[in-house]
Amino acid sequence: MSRKIEALFVAGPAGRLEALLEEPEDRDPVFAALVCHPHPQHGGTMHNKVVYRMARGLRKAGAVVLRFNYRGVNLSHGTYDNGVGEVDDARAALSLLRERYPDLPYVLGGFSFGSRIVQKLGCDTAGALRILAVGFPTRHLDTERYLDCAVERVFVHSTNDEYGPREDFERFYTAVQSAKQMRWIEARDHFFTGSLDQFEQAVIEVNS
């Protein structure tokens, strides 16, 4: 069967948001997934290599995946809004995804800055199957607001993440009292350099 790939624009609160919708290669989707990219002021886009691998792993697990660019990134309208408007952008993208696939359960996934966005979007109320928080940056961040969540979180983290050093991250993870899982990936840095295959396999496993 041919895979559906659609480039589209989402009607966002600050204007249109550039997006890409992709169905699984080998089957009808059994769940939907929204994937959020890393920091837009540090080169983050929906085509980031970790975001791409996360999206591909989710598709291999059976998801239809929507990636998008936050406001001000590439063809998306608006300007950077310090992580506030970006949550609203993600909410708009999720609304479109759920309108397109109303009968499917959904997963929220994000890398780095995107992992913060999906937790802000999904932790206050139950709804998502799970939140996939990849490379959650604990350094220079008040993590207290992230300790509780109404949805199970799966953290996937590099053993040598410079933005979430292992000791810092383990301290945060120990303090989390809500439902959680942890997957460590032996990698050289925050971007899973040298270990993207292992990262993608972990994404498949936790969503299958």
N, C-alpha and C. Protein backbone atom coordinates (compact mmCIF):
# COMPACT_ATOMS: atom_id res chain seq x y z
N MET A 1 0.84 -1.19 0.00
CA MET A 1 0.00 0.00 0.00
C MET A 1 0.88 1.25 0.00
N SER A 2 0.42 2.29 -0.68
CA SER A 2 1.19 3.52 -0.73
C SER A 2 0.97 4.33 0.55
N ARG A 3 2.01 4.98 1.02
CA ARG A 3 1.93 5.74 2.26
C ARG A 3 1.45 7.15 1.98
N LYS A 4 0.51 7.61 2.81
CA LYS A 4 0.02 8.97 2.67
C LYS A 4 1.01 9.95 3.29
N ILE A 5 1.46 10.91 2.50
CA ILE A 5 2.30 12.00 2.97
C ILE A 5 1.66 13.30 2.49
N GLU A 6 1.38 14.19 3.41
CA GLU A 6 0.69 15.42 3.05
C GLU A 6 1.38 16.62 3.70
N ALA A 7 1.84 17.55 2.87
CA ALA A 7 2.32 18.83 3.38
C ALA A 7 1.11 19.75 3.49
N LEU A 8 0.97 20.43 4.61
CA LEU A 8 -0.22 21.24 4.83
C LEU A 8 0.09 22.40 5.76
N PHE A 9 -0.89 23.26 5.93
CA PHE A 9 -0.79 24.35 6.88
C PHE A 9 -1.89 24.19 7.93
N VAL A 10 -1.52 24.38 9.18
CA VAL A 10 -2.45 24.37 10.30
C VAL A 10 -2.82 25.81 10.61
N ALA A 11 -4.11 26.05 10.88
CA ALA A 11 -4.54 27.39 11.29
C ALA A 11 -4.16 27.59 12.75
N GLY A 12 -3.07 28.34 12.98
CA GLY A 12 -2.58 28.56 14.34
C GLY A 12 -3.03 29.89 14.89
N PRO A 13 -2.82 30.12 16.17
CA PRO A 13 -3.27 31.36 16.81
C PRO A 13 -2.51 32.60 16.34
N ALA A 14 -1.32 32.42 15.76
CA ALA A 14 -0.54 33.55 15.24
C ALA A 14 -0.45 33.52 13.72
N GLY A 15 -1.30 32.71 13.10
CA GLY A 15 -1.25 32.55 11.64
C GLY A 15 -0.99 31.10 11.29
N ARG A 16 -0.75 30.86 10.02
CA ARG A 16 -0.61 29.48 9.57
C ARG A 16 0.69 28.86 10.08
N LEU A 17 0.63 27.53 10.31
CA LEU A 17 1.79 26.76 10.75
C LEU A 17 2.10 25.69 9.72
N GLU A 18 3.33 25.68 9.26
CA GLU A 18 3.77 24.69 8.29
C GLU A 18 3.80 23.31 8.96
N ALA A 19 3.28 22.28 8.27
CA ALA A 19 3.17 20.96 8.89
C ALA A 19 3.33 19.86 7.86
N LEU A 20 3.57 18.65 8.38
CA LEU A 20 3.73 17.46 7.55
C LEU A 20 3.01 16.31 8.24
N LEU A 21 2.09 15.68 7.51
CA LEU A 21 1.31 14.56 8.04
C LEU A 21 1.73 13.30 7.29
N GLU A 22 2.07 12.24 8.04
CA GLU A 22 2.53 11.00 7.42
C GLU A 22 1.88 9.80 8.10
N GLU A 23 1.32 8.92 7.27
CA GLU A 23 0.74 7.67 7.77
C GLU A 23 1.79 6.56 7.73
N PRO A 24 1.53 5.43 8.42
CA PRO A 24 2.49 4.31 8.40
C PRO A 24 2.69 3.77 6.98
N GLU A 25 3.84 3.15 6.76
CA GLU A 25 4.17 2.61 5.45
C GLU A 25 3.40 1.34 5.12
N ASP A 26 3.04 0.55 6.15
CA ASP A 26 2.61 -0.83 5.89
C ASP A 26 1.24 -1.20 6.44
N ARG A 27 0.48 -0.23 6.95
CA ARG A 27 -0.81 -0.55 7.55
C ARG A 27 -1.62 0.71 7.77
N ASP A 28 -2.89 0.52 8.09
CA ASP A 28 -3.70 1.65 8.52
C ASP A 28 -3.24 2.07 9.91
N PRO A 29 -3.28 3.36 10.22
CA PRO A 29 -2.82 3.81 11.55
C PRO A 29 -3.70 3.28 12.66
N VAL A 30 -3.07 2.93 13.79
CA VAL A 30 -3.81 2.46 14.97
C VAL A 30 -3.80 3.50 16.08
N PHE A 31 -2.95 4.51 15.96
CA PHE A 31 -2.98 5.65 16.87
C PHE A 31 -2.40 6.86 16.13
N ALA A 32 -2.59 8.02 16.70
CA ALA A 32 -2.07 9.26 16.12
C ALA A 32 -1.00 9.82 17.04
N ALA A 33 -0.09 10.59 16.47
CA ALA A 33 0.99 11.17 17.28
C ALA A 33 1.31 12.58 16.78
N LEU A 34 1.44 13.49 17.72
CA LEU A 34 1.93 14.83 17.44
C LEU A 34 3.37 14.91 17.92
N VAL A 35 4.27 15.42 17.08
CA VAL A 35 5.69 15.51 17.43
C VAL A 35 6.14 16.96 17.36
N CYS A 36 6.76 17.44 18.45
CA CYS A 36 7.19 18.83 18.56
C CYS A 36 8.72 18.93 18.51
N HIS A 37 9.21 19.91 17.80
CA HIS A 37 10.65 20.02 17.54
C HIS A 37 11.38 20.85 18.60
N PRO A 38 12.73 20.85 18.55
CA PRO A 38 13.52 21.58 19.55
C PRO A 38 13.48 23.09 19.35
N HIS A 39 14.29 23.79 20.13
CA HIS A 39 14.19 25.23 20.28
C HIS A 39 14.32 25.98 18.95
N PRO A 40 13.31 26.79 18.61
CA PRO A 40 13.35 27.49 17.32
C PRO A 40 14.44 28.55 17.21
N GLN A 41 14.95 29.02 18.33
CA GLN A 41 16.02 30.03 18.28
C GLN A 41 17.41 29.41 18.24
N HIS A 42 17.45 28.09 18.22
CA HIS A 42 18.73 27.39 18.12
C HIS A 42 18.71 26.40 16.95
N GLY A 43 17.97 26.77 15.90
CA GLY A 43 17.96 25.97 14.68
C GLY A 43 16.96 24.84 14.66
N GLY A 44 16.09 24.74 15.65
CA GLY A 44 15.13 23.63 15.70
C GLY A 44 14.03 23.78 14.66
N THR A 45 13.77 22.70 13.93
CA THR A 45 12.66 22.63 12.98
C THR A 45 12.08 21.23 13.02
N MET A 46 10.97 21.04 12.31
CA MET A 46 10.35 19.72 12.27
C MET A 46 11.19 18.71 11.49
N HIS A 47 12.26 19.19 10.81
CA HIS A 47 13.14 18.29 10.07
C HIS A 47 14.41 17.95 10.85
N ASN A 48 14.50 18.37 12.11
CA ASN A 48 15.62 17.96 12.97
C ASN A 48 15.77 16.44 12.94
N LYS A 49 17.01 15.96 12.98
CA LYS A 49 17.25 14.52 12.80
C LYS A 49 16.63 13.67 13.90
N VAL A 50 16.60 14.16 15.12
CA VAL A 50 15.99 13.39 16.21
C VAL A 50 14.47 13.37 16.05
N VAL A 51 13.90 14.51 15.67
CA VAL A 51 12.46 14.60 15.42
C VAL A 51 12.08 13.67 14.27
N TYR A 52 12.87 13.67 13.21
CA TYR A 52 12.61 12.79 12.07
C TYR A 52 12.62 11.32 12.50
N ARG A 53 13.64 10.95 13.29
CA ARG A 53 13.73 9.56 13.73
C ARG A 53 12.58 9.20 14.69
N MET A 54 12.19 10.15 15.54
CA MET A 54 11.06 9.90 16.43
C MET A 54 9.79 9.67 15.61
N ALA A 55 9.57 10.52 14.62
CA ALA A 55 8.39 10.39 13.78
C ALA A 55 8.41 9.05 13.03
N ARG A 56 9.56 8.66 12.52
CA ARG A 56 9.64 7.40 11.78
C ARG A 56 9.42 6.21 12.71
N GLY A 57 9.98 6.27 13.90
CA GLY A 57 9.75 5.20 14.87
C GLY A 57 8.28 5.08 15.24
N LEU A 58 7.62 6.20 15.43
CA LEU A 58 6.19 6.19 15.74
C LEU A 58 5.39 5.60 14.59
N ARG A 59 5.74 5.94 13.35
CA ARG A 59 5.04 5.36 12.20
C ARG A 59 5.26 3.85 12.14
N LYS A 60 6.47 3.41 12.43
CA LYS A 60 6.73 1.96 12.43
C LYS A 60 5.93 1.25 13.51
N ALA A 61 5.60 1.97 14.58
CA ALA A 61 4.77 1.39 15.65
C ALA A 61 3.29 1.48 15.33
N GLY A 62 2.95 2.12 14.21
CA GLY A 62 1.55 2.15 13.77
C GLY A 62 0.86 3.50 13.84
N ALA A 63 1.62 4.58 14.00
CA ALA A 63 1.01 5.90 14.17
C ALA A 63 0.93 6.67 12.85
N VAL A 64 -0.11 7.49 12.74
CA VAL A 64 -0.10 8.59 11.79
C VAL A 64 0.51 9.77 12.55
N VAL A 65 1.51 10.41 11.97
CA VAL A 65 2.30 11.41 12.70
C VAL A 65 2.15 12.78 12.05
N LEU A 66 1.90 13.77 12.89
CA LEU A 66 1.89 15.16 12.45
C LEU A 66 3.06 15.89 13.09
N ARG A 67 3.95 16.41 12.24
CA ARG A 67 5.02 17.30 12.68
C ARG A 67 4.68 18.71 12.18
N PHE A 68 5.16 19.72 12.88
CA PHE A 68 4.88 21.08 12.44
C PHE A 68 6.00 22.00 12.90
N ASN A 69 6.07 23.17 12.29
CA ASN A 69 7.01 24.20 12.71
C ASN A 69 6.29 25.24 13.56
N TYR A 70 6.88 25.56 14.72
CA TYR A 70 6.30 26.60 15.56
C TYR A 70 6.24 27.93 14.80
N ARG A 71 5.53 28.84 15.37
CA ARG A 71 5.44 30.20 14.84
C ARG A 71 6.83 30.79 14.58
N GLY A 72 6.97 31.41 13.41
CA GLY A 72 8.22 32.05 13.06
C GLY A 72 9.28 31.15 12.48
N VAL A 73 9.02 29.85 12.37
CA VAL A 73 10.01 28.91 11.84
C VAL A 73 9.67 28.57 10.38
N ASN A 74 10.62 28.78 9.49
CA ASN A 74 10.45 28.53 8.06
C ASN A 74 9.18 29.21 7.54
N LEU A 75 8.19 28.45 7.10
CA LEU A 75 7.00 29.04 6.48
C LEU A 75 5.88 29.34 7.49
N SER A 76 6.10 29.09 8.75
CA SER A 76 5.08 29.36 9.77
C SER A 76 5.06 30.85 10.11
N HIS A 77 3.87 31.38 10.24
CA HIS A 77 3.71 32.79 10.56
C HIS A 77 4.01 33.07 12.04
N GLY A 78 4.19 34.35 12.37
CA GLY A 78 4.37 34.75 13.76
C GLY A 78 5.83 34.87 14.16
N THR A 79 6.04 35.09 15.44
CA THR A 79 7.39 35.22 16.00
C THR A 79 7.48 34.42 17.29
N TYR A 80 8.71 34.08 17.65
CA TYR A 80 8.97 33.29 18.86
C TYR A 80 8.30 33.91 20.09
N ASP A 81 7.71 33.06 20.93
CA ASP A 81 6.94 33.56 22.07
C ASP A 81 7.35 32.90 23.39
N ASN A 82 8.63 32.62 23.56
CA ASN A 82 9.18 32.17 24.85
C ASN A 82 8.51 30.92 25.42
N GLY A 83 8.07 30.03 24.54
CA GLY A 83 7.49 28.78 25.00
C GLY A 83 6.03 28.87 25.41
N VAL A 84 5.46 30.07 25.35
CA VAL A 84 4.04 30.25 25.71
C VAL A 84 3.17 30.04 24.48
N GLY A 85 3.38 30.87 23.45
CA GLY A 85 2.63 30.72 22.22
C GLY A 85 2.89 29.39 21.53
N GLU A 86 4.08 28.83 21.75
CA GLU A 86 4.41 27.55 21.12
C GLU A 86 3.52 26.42 21.65
N VAL A 87 3.11 26.51 22.92
CA VAL A 87 2.15 25.53 23.44
C VAL A 87 0.81 25.69 22.72
N ASP A 88 0.41 26.93 22.46
CA ASP A 88 -0.83 27.17 21.72
C ASP A 88 -0.72 26.65 20.29
N ASP A 89 0.47 26.78 19.69
CA ASP A 89 0.69 26.22 18.36
C ASP A 89 0.50 24.71 18.38
N ALA A 90 1.09 24.06 19.38
CA ALA A 90 0.96 22.60 19.50
C ALA A 90 -0.50 22.20 19.71
N ARG A 91 -1.22 22.99 20.48
CA ARG A 91 -2.64 22.69 20.73
C ARG A 91 -3.44 22.77 19.43
N ALA A 92 -3.13 23.77 18.60
CA ALA A 92 -3.81 23.91 17.32
C ALA A 92 -3.49 22.73 16.40
N ALA A 93 -2.23 22.30 16.40
CA ALA A 93 -1.83 21.16 15.57
C ALA A 93 -2.52 19.88 16.06
N LEU A 94 -2.59 19.71 17.37
CA LEU A 94 -3.26 18.54 17.93
C LEU A 94 -4.74 18.54 17.57
N SER A 95 -5.36 19.69 17.58
CA SER A 95 -6.78 19.78 17.23
C SER A 95 -7.01 19.33 15.80
N LEU A 96 -6.13 19.76 14.89
CA LEU A 96 -6.27 19.30 13.50
C LEU A 96 -6.09 17.80 13.39
N LEU A 97 -5.08 17.28 14.07
CA LEU A 97 -4.82 15.84 14.02
C LEU A 97 -6.01 15.05 14.52
N ARG A 98 -6.62 15.50 15.60
CA ARG A 98 -7.76 14.78 16.17
C ARG A 98 -9.01 14.94 15.31
N GLU A 99 -9.13 16.06 14.62
CA GLU A 99 -10.24 16.23 13.67
C GLU A 99 -10.10 15.27 12.49
N ARG A 100 -8.87 15.09 12.04
CA ARG A 100 -8.62 14.19 10.91
C ARG A 100 -8.80 12.72 11.30
N TYR A 101 -8.44 12.39 12.54
CA TYR A 101 -8.47 10.99 12.99
C TYR A 101 -9.21 10.91 14.33
N PRO A 102 -10.51 11.20 14.33
CA PRO A 102 -11.25 11.33 15.60
C PRO A 102 -11.39 10.03 16.39
N ASP A 103 -11.25 8.90 15.72
CA ASP A 103 -11.45 7.62 16.40
C ASP A 103 -10.16 7.01 16.94
N LEU A 104 -9.04 7.66 16.70
CA LEU A 104 -7.76 7.10 17.13
C LEU A 104 -7.29 7.72 18.45
N PRO A 105 -6.76 6.90 19.37
CA PRO A 105 -6.07 7.47 20.54
C PRO A 105 -4.82 8.20 20.08
N TYR A 106 -4.28 9.06 20.94
CA TYR A 106 -3.14 9.85 20.49
C TYR A 106 -2.02 9.89 21.52
N VAL A 107 -0.82 10.11 21.00
CA VAL A 107 0.42 10.24 21.77
C VAL A 107 1.00 11.62 21.49
N LEU A 108 1.61 12.22 22.51
CA LEU A 108 2.33 13.48 22.34
C LEU A 108 3.82 13.21 22.48
N GLY A 109 4.61 13.65 21.52
CA GLY A 109 6.04 13.45 21.58
C GLY A 109 6.79 14.74 21.30
N GLY A 110 7.91 14.94 21.97
CA GLY A 110 8.70 16.13 21.72
C GLY A 110 10.14 15.93 22.11
N PHE A 111 11.03 16.63 21.40
CA PHE A 111 12.47 16.54 21.66
C PHE A 111 12.97 17.87 22.20
N SER A 112 13.73 17.81 23.32
CA SER A 112 14.39 18.96 23.91
C SER A 112 13.36 20.02 24.29
N PHE A 113 13.45 21.23 23.75
CA PHE A 113 12.41 22.25 23.98
C PHE A 113 11.02 21.66 23.70
N GLY A 114 10.92 20.83 22.67
CA GLY A 114 9.64 20.19 22.34
C GLY A 114 9.13 19.28 23.43
N SER A 115 10.04 18.68 24.21
CA SER A 115 9.60 17.82 25.31
C SER A 115 8.93 18.64 26.41
N ARG A 116 9.40 19.89 26.58
CA ARG A 116 8.74 20.79 27.52
C ARG A 116 7.36 21.18 27.00
N ILE A 117 7.26 21.46 25.69
CA ILE A 117 5.99 21.87 25.11
C ILE A 117 4.93 20.79 25.26
N VAL A 118 5.28 19.53 24.97
CA VAL A 118 4.26 18.48 25.04
C VAL A 118 3.85 18.18 26.48
N GLN A 119 4.77 18.36 27.43
CA GLN A 119 4.37 18.17 28.83
C GLN A 119 3.45 19.30 29.28
N LYS A 120 3.73 20.53 28.87
CA LYS A 120 2.83 21.64 29.21
C LYS A 120 1.46 21.44 28.57
N LEU A 121 1.45 20.90 27.36
CA LEU A 121 0.20 20.67 26.65
C LEU A 121 -0.60 19.51 27.24
N GLY A 122 0.10 18.43 27.59
CA GLY A 122 -0.62 17.20 27.90
C GLY A 122 -0.72 16.78 29.34
N CYS A 123 0.01 17.42 30.25
CA CYS A 123 0.07 16.92 31.62
C CYS A 123 -1.08 17.39 32.51
N ASP A 124 -1.73 18.48 32.16
CA ASP A 124 -2.76 19.03 33.06
C ASP A 124 -4.03 18.20 33.08
N THR A 125 -4.37 17.58 31.96
CA THR A 125 -5.58 16.76 31.90
C THR A 125 -5.28 15.45 31.19
N ALA A 126 -5.96 14.39 31.62
CA ALA A 126 -5.81 13.10 30.96
C ALA A 126 -6.39 13.20 29.55
N GLY A 127 -5.88 12.40 28.65
CA GLY A 127 -6.36 12.44 27.27
C GLY A 127 -5.44 11.65 26.37
N ALA A 128 -4.15 11.96 26.44
CA ALA A 128 -3.18 11.25 25.62
C ALA A 128 -2.92 9.85 26.18
N LEU A 129 -2.55 8.93 25.29
CA LEU A 129 -2.12 7.60 25.72
C LEU A 129 -0.86 7.71 26.56
N ARG A 130 0.07 8.50 26.09
CA ARG A 130 1.34 8.72 26.79
C ARG A 130 1.99 9.97 26.22
N ILE A 131 2.96 10.47 26.97
CA ILE A 131 3.80 11.57 26.50
C ILE A 131 5.22 11.05 26.36
N LEU A 132 5.79 11.22 25.20
CA LEU A 132 7.15 10.79 24.91
C LEU A 132 8.05 12.02 25.02
N ALA A 133 8.80 12.10 26.13
CA ALA A 133 9.64 13.27 26.41
C ALA A 133 11.09 12.89 26.14
N VAL A 134 11.61 13.34 25.03
CA VAL A 134 12.94 12.96 24.56
C VAL A 134 13.92 14.10 24.83
N GLY A 135 15.03 13.78 25.49
CA GLY A 135 16.06 14.79 25.74
C GLY A 135 15.54 15.96 26.55
N PHE A 136 14.78 15.66 27.60
CA PHE A 136 14.22 16.72 28.43
C PHE A 136 15.35 17.51 29.09
N PRO A 137 15.46 18.82 28.80
CA PRO A 137 16.61 19.60 29.26
C PRO A 137 16.46 20.11 30.69
N THR A 138 17.05 19.42 31.63
CA THR A 138 16.91 19.78 33.04
C THR A 138 17.87 20.88 33.47
N ARG A 139 18.94 21.10 32.77
CA ARG A 139 19.92 22.13 33.16
C ARG A 139 19.34 23.53 32.96
N HIS A 140 19.53 24.39 33.96
CA HIS A 140 19.04 25.77 33.91
C HIS A 140 17.52 25.84 33.73
N LEU A 141 16.81 24.88 34.30
CA LEU A 141 15.35 24.85 34.16
C LEU A 141 14.74 24.54 35.51
N ASP A 142 13.68 25.28 35.85
CA ASP A 142 12.92 24.96 37.05
C ASP A 142 12.06 23.74 36.72
N THR A 143 12.47 22.59 37.21
CA THR A 143 11.77 21.34 36.84
C THR A 143 10.59 21.02 37.75
N GLU A 144 10.36 21.84 38.77
CA GLU A 144 9.32 21.50 39.74
C GLU A 144 7.95 21.39 39.09
N ARG A 145 7.66 22.24 38.12
CA ARG A 145 6.35 22.21 37.49
C ARG A 145 6.15 20.95 36.65
N TYR A 146 7.21 20.22 36.41
CA TYR A 146 7.13 19.00 35.59
C TYR A 146 7.09 17.72 36.42
N LEU A 147 6.97 17.85 37.73
CA LEU A 147 7.05 16.66 38.59
C LEU A 147 5.79 15.82 38.54
N ASP A 148 4.64 16.43 38.27
CA ASP A 148 3.38 15.70 38.27
C ASP A 148 2.75 15.77 36.89
N CYS A 149 2.03 14.73 36.53
CA CYS A 149 1.42 14.69 35.20
C CYS A 149 0.24 13.74 35.22
N ALA A 150 -0.85 14.13 34.56
CA ALA A 150 -2.05 13.29 34.51
C ALA A 150 -1.90 12.14 33.53
N VAL A 151 -0.83 12.15 32.74
CA VAL A 151 -0.60 11.15 31.70
C VAL A 151 0.75 10.48 31.95
N GLU A 152 0.83 9.20 31.66
CA GLU A 152 2.12 8.52 31.79
C GLU A 152 3.14 9.14 30.84
N ARG A 153 4.34 9.38 31.38
CA ARG A 153 5.43 9.90 30.56
C ARG A 153 6.51 8.84 30.35
N VAL A 154 6.99 8.76 29.14
CA VAL A 154 8.13 7.92 28.80
C VAL A 154 9.28 8.86 28.47
N PHE A 155 10.31 8.84 29.31
CA PHE A 155 11.49 9.67 29.08
C PHE A 155 12.55 8.86 28.33
N VAL A 156 13.05 9.41 27.25
CA VAL A 156 14.14 8.79 26.50
C VAL A 156 15.29 9.79 26.50
N HIS A 157 16.46 9.35 26.98
CA HIS A 157 17.52 10.30 27.29
C HIS A 157 18.88 9.72 26.94
N SER A 158 19.75 10.57 26.42
CA SER A 158 21.13 10.18 26.14
C SER A 158 21.92 10.11 27.45
N THR A 159 22.83 9.15 27.52
CA THR A 159 23.68 9.02 28.70
C THR A 159 24.68 10.16 28.82
N ASN A 160 24.86 10.91 27.74
CA ASN A 160 25.82 12.03 27.75
C ASN A 160 25.15 13.31 27.25
N ASP A 161 23.98 13.58 27.77
CA ASP A 161 23.21 14.76 27.36
C ASP A 161 23.75 15.99 28.08
N GLU A 162 24.27 16.94 27.31
CA GLU A 162 24.86 18.13 27.92
C GLU A 162 23.81 19.11 28.46
N TYR A 163 22.56 18.98 28.01
CA TYR A 163 21.50 19.85 28.50
C TYR A 163 20.66 19.20 29.61
N GLY A 164 20.89 17.94 29.81
CA GLY A 164 20.25 17.21 30.90
C GLY A 164 21.22 16.17 31.41
N PRO A 165 22.30 16.60 32.07
CA PRO A 165 23.32 15.66 32.55
C PRO A 165 22.70 14.55 33.38
N ARG A 166 23.28 13.38 33.31
CA ARG A 166 22.66 12.21 33.91
C ARG A 166 22.34 12.41 35.40
N GLU A 167 23.27 12.98 36.14
CA GLU A 167 23.03 13.19 37.57
C GLU A 167 21.85 14.13 37.80
N ASP A 168 21.78 15.22 37.04
CA ASP A 168 20.65 16.14 37.15
C ASP A 168 19.35 15.46 36.78
N PHE A 169 19.39 14.75 35.66
CA PHE A 169 18.16 14.11 35.19
C PHE A 169 17.67 13.05 36.17
N GLU A 170 18.58 12.24 36.69
CA GLU A 170 18.16 11.20 37.63
C GLU A 170 17.57 11.80 38.90
N ARG A 171 18.08 12.94 39.34
CA ARG A 171 17.51 13.62 40.49
C ARG A 171 16.07 14.05 40.19
N PHE A 172 15.86 14.60 39.00
CA PHE A 172 14.51 14.99 38.59
C PHE A 172 13.61 13.76 38.48
N TYR A 173 14.09 12.72 37.81
CA TYR A 173 13.26 11.54 37.58
C TYR A 173 12.84 10.87 38.89
N THR A 174 13.75 10.83 39.86
CA THR A 174 13.43 10.25 41.16
C THR A 174 12.32 11.03 41.85
N ALA A 175 12.29 12.34 41.64
CA ALA A 175 11.29 13.19 42.28
C ALA A 175 9.92 13.09 41.62
N VAL A 176 9.86 12.59 40.40
CA VAL A 176 8.57 12.44 39.70
C VAL A 176 7.75 11.35 40.37
N GLN A 177 6.55 11.69 40.78
CA GLN A 177 5.70 10.74 41.50
C GLN A 177 4.61 10.13 40.62
N SER A 178 4.34 10.72 39.48
CA SER A 178 3.28 10.20 38.59
C SER A 178 3.84 9.10 37.70
N ALA A 179 2.96 8.47 36.92
CA ALA A 179 3.34 7.32 36.08
C ALA A 179 4.48 7.69 35.13
N LYS A 180 5.49 6.82 35.07
CA LYS A 180 6.68 7.16 34.29
C LYS A 180 7.40 5.90 33.84
N GLN A 181 8.16 6.04 32.76
CA GLN A 181 9.10 5.03 32.29
C GLN A 181 10.38 5.75 31.89
N MET A 182 11.47 5.01 31.87
CA MET A 182 12.77 5.60 31.53
C MET A 182 13.50 4.70 30.54
N ARG A 183 14.03 5.29 29.47
CA ARG A 183 14.89 4.58 28.53
C ARG A 183 16.17 5.38 28.35
N TRP A 184 17.29 4.83 28.79
CA TRP A 184 18.59 5.45 28.55
C TRP A 184 19.15 4.93 27.24
N ILE A 185 19.70 5.84 26.44
CA ILE A 185 20.36 5.46 25.20
C ILE A 185 21.83 5.85 25.31
N GLU A 186 22.71 4.87 25.15
CA GLU A 186 24.14 5.15 25.19
C GLU A 186 24.51 5.93 23.93
N ALA A 187 24.76 7.23 24.11
CA ALA A 187 25.01 8.11 22.96
C ALA A 187 26.03 9.18 23.35
N ARG A 188 26.56 9.88 22.36
CA ARG A 188 27.64 10.82 22.61
C ARG A 188 27.16 12.17 23.13
N ASP A 189 25.91 12.54 22.82
CA ASP A 189 25.46 13.88 23.17
C ASP A 189 23.93 13.96 23.19
N HIS A 190 23.46 15.18 23.38
CA HIS A 190 22.03 15.49 23.44
C HIS A 190 21.27 15.01 22.20
N PHE A 191 21.96 15.01 21.07
CA PHE A 191 21.32 14.68 19.79
C PHE A 191 21.44 13.20 19.42
N PHE A 192 21.83 12.37 20.38
CA PHE A 192 21.94 10.92 20.19
C PHE A 192 22.93 10.58 19.07
N THR A 193 23.96 11.40 18.94
CA THR A 193 24.96 11.17 17.90
C THR A 193 25.58 9.78 18.05
N GLY A 194 25.63 9.05 16.95
CA GLY A 194 26.18 7.70 16.95
C GLY A 194 25.20 6.63 17.39
N SER A 195 24.00 7.04 17.83
CA SER A 195 23.05 6.06 18.38
C SER A 195 21.62 6.33 17.93
N LEU A 196 21.44 6.95 16.79
CA LEU A 196 20.09 7.26 16.33
C LEU A 196 19.29 6.00 16.02
N ASP A 197 19.96 4.95 15.55
CA ASP A 197 19.24 3.68 15.30
C ASP A 197 18.68 3.12 16.60
N GLN A 198 19.50 3.14 17.65
CA GLN A 198 19.04 2.64 18.95
C GLN A 198 17.92 3.52 19.51
N PHE A 199 18.04 4.82 19.30
CA PHE A 199 16.99 5.72 19.72
C PHE A 199 15.67 5.39 19.02
N GLU A 200 15.72 5.26 17.71
CA GLU A 200 14.51 4.96 16.95
C GLU A 200 13.89 3.64 17.40
N GLN A 201 14.72 2.64 17.66
CA GLN A 201 14.21 1.34 18.11
C GLN A 201 13.50 1.49 19.46
N ALA A 202 14.04 2.31 20.34
CA ALA A 202 13.40 2.55 21.64
C ALA A 202 12.03 3.19 21.46
N VAL A 203 11.92 4.12 20.52
CA VAL A 203 10.63 4.76 20.23
C VAL A 203 9.62 3.71 19.77
N ILE A 204 10.05 2.82 18.89
CA ILE A 204 9.17 1.76 18.42
C ILE A 204 8.71 0.89 19.59
N GLU A 205 9.65 0.47 20.43
CA GLU A 205 9.33 -0.46 21.51
C GLU A 205 8.36 0.12 22.52
N VAL A 206 8.54 1.37 22.90
CA VAL A 206 7.67 1.93 23.95
C VAL A 206 6.29 2.28 23.41
N ASN A 207 6.12 2.26 22.09
CA ASN A 207 4.82 2.60 21.51
C ASN A 207 4.15 1.42 20.83
N SER A 208 4.71 0.24 21.00
CA SER A 208 4.15 -0.96 20.34
C SER A 208 3.36 -1.80 21.35
